[in-house]
Amino acid sequence: MEKNCLECGERIIGREDKKFCGDGCRNAFNNKMNKDSNNYMRNTNNKLRRNYRILAELNSEGKSKTTRLKLLNKGFDFDYLTTIRTTKNGNTYYFIYDQGYMAIENDFYVLVKKDI
């Protein structure tokens, strides 16, 4: 049985479970499959990436403290996050992947990094 590359349609030579004729076609196919399908997704992912970079920059030690103004001045958008966690003590942490923050007194925030 003859198989053709999922990306370019060329005949595949080699193992019977191969799906692509080479690395270039495999990469092109996977890049197409994993790209953001519309502007809304692209913009949301960009905002999440920006928020993550800001938290990672301000929280290089794994736990630190900052102000709301400092986060806002760096471009942080509080509307974009990936997870909300509430502790047994009732504290609510907001996470962007493994970087998180929690509001404390006087517009200060504690920044944390979750162990993965």
Protein backbone atom coordinates (compact mmCIF):
# COMPACT_ATOMS: atom_id res chain seq x y z
CA MET A 1 0.00 0.00 0.00
CA GLU A 2 1.40 3.34 -1.04
CA LYS A 3 1.29 6.22 1.47
CA ASN A 4 1.60 9.91 0.73
CA CYS A 5 3.02 12.71 2.88
CA LEU A 6 0.32 14.52 4.89
CA GLU A 7 1.91 17.89 4.03
CA CYS A 8 3.05 17.82 0.41
CA GLY A 9 1.41 14.65 -0.94
CA GLU A 10 4.68 13.10 -2.14
CA ARG A 11 5.10 9.34 -1.98
CA ILE A 12 6.63 8.18 1.32
CA ILE A 13 9.52 5.76 1.27
CA GLY A 14 10.61 3.96 4.43
CA ARG A 15 8.85 2.66 7.49
CA GLU A 16 5.19 1.86 7.04
CA ASP A 17 4.12 4.08 9.96
CA LYS A 18 5.76 7.23 8.51
CA LYS A 19 3.38 10.12 7.87
CA PHE A 20 5.75 12.66 6.32
CA CYS A 21 8.44 12.54 3.66
CA GLY A 22 10.89 14.50 5.82
CA ASP A 23 11.47 16.80 8.76
CA GLY A 24 10.57 19.92 6.78
CA CYS A 25 7.11 18.62 5.91
CA ARG A 26 6.55 17.34 9.47
CA ASN A 27 7.45 20.74 10.90
CA ALA A 28 5.32 22.65 8.37
CA PHE A 29 2.32 20.39 9.05
CA ASN A 30 2.62 20.71 12.84
CA ASN A 31 3.12 24.49 12.63
CA LYS A 32 -0.09 24.81 10.62
CA MET A 33 -1.97 22.61 13.08
CA ASN A 34 -0.75 24.52 16.14
CA LYS A 35 -1.01 28.11 14.92
CA ASP A 36 -3.58 30.44 16.40
CA SER A 37 -6.64 30.09 14.20
CA ASN A 38 -7.94 33.66 14.54
CA ASN A 39 -7.03 37.12 15.82
CA TYR A 40 -8.91 36.69 19.09
CA MET A 41 -6.85 33.60 20.00
CA ARG A 42 -3.61 35.26 18.87
CA ASN A 43 -4.33 38.42 20.91
CA THR A 44 -5.31 36.41 24.00
CA ASN A 45 -2.17 34.26 23.81
CA ASN A 46 -0.02 37.37 23.34
CA LYS A 47 -1.55 38.97 26.46
CA LEU A 48 -0.98 35.80 28.48
CA ARG A 49 2.66 35.67 27.29
CA ARG A 50 3.18 39.33 28.21
CA ASN A 51 1.65 38.81 31.67
CA TYR A 52 3.84 35.73 32.18
CA ARG A 53 7.03 37.57 31.18
CA ILE A 54 6.21 40.45 33.55
CA LEU A 55 5.58 38.14 36.51
CA ALA A 56 8.70 36.07 35.75
CA GLU A 57 10.83 39.21 35.52
CA LEU A 58 9.55 40.61 38.82
CA ASN A 59 9.63 37.24 40.57
CA SER A 60 13.06 35.82 39.74
CA GLU A 61 13.49 34.39 43.26
CA GLY A 62 10.25 32.37 43.32
CA LYS A 63 8.51 34.62 45.84
CA SER A 64 8.50 38.41 45.96
CA LYS A 65 6.36 41.48 46.48
CA THR A 66 5.42 44.33 44.12
CA THR A 67 2.85 47.07 43.66
CA ARG A 68 -0.18 47.25 41.38
CA LEU A 69 1.26 50.40 39.79
CA LYS A 70 4.51 48.65 38.90
CA LEU A 71 2.60 45.79 37.24
CA LEU A 72 0.38 48.21 35.30
CA ASN A 73 3.35 50.34 34.19
CA LYS A 74 4.97 47.22 32.70
CA GLY A 75 1.77 46.48 30.76
CA PHE A 76 0.25 43.77 32.97
CA ASP A 77 -3.42 43.06 32.19
CA PHE A 78 -5.31 41.71 35.21
CA ASP A 79 -8.11 40.38 32.96
CA TYR A 80 -5.91 37.62 31.47
CA LEU A 81 -4.96 34.58 33.54
CA THR A 82 -5.03 30.79 33.28
CA THR A 83 -6.01 29.53 36.76
CA ILE A 84 -7.52 30.74 40.02
CA ARG A 85 -6.52 28.84 43.18
CA THR A 86 -8.03 29.29 46.63
CA THR A 87 -6.03 27.99 49.58
CA LYS A 88 -7.42 26.31 52.68
CA ASN A 89 -6.97 29.66 54.45
CA GLY A 90 -9.25 31.35 51.92
CA ASN A 91 -6.49 33.23 50.07
CA THR A 92 -7.08 33.53 46.32
CA TYR A 93 -4.10 33.29 43.95
CA TYR A 94 -4.33 34.13 40.26
CA PHE A 95 -1.96 32.26 37.95
CA ILE A 96 -0.61 32.63 34.47
CA TYR A 97 0.70 29.10 33.99
CA ASP A 98 3.14 28.63 36.93
CA GLN A 99 3.57 32.33 37.84
CA GLY A 100 0.99 33.64 40.28
CA TYR A 101 -0.01 36.66 42.32
CA MET A 102 -2.27 37.51 45.23
CA ALA A 103 -3.51 40.93 46.30
CA ILE A 104 -2.46 41.99 49.79
CA GLU A 105 -2.88 45.28 51.66
CA ASN A 106 -2.40 48.78 50.18
CA ASP A 107 -2.28 47.82 46.46
CA PHE A 108 0.62 45.43 47.04
CA TYR A 109 0.82 41.97 45.51
CA VAL A 110 2.73 38.91 46.56
CA LEU A 111 4.20 37.04 43.56
CA VAL A 112 4.76 33.30 43.70
CA LYS A 113 5.97 30.53 41.44
CA LYS A 114 4.18 27.20 41.57
CA ASP A 115 6.37 24.10 41.60
CA ILE A 116 5.60 21.97 38.59
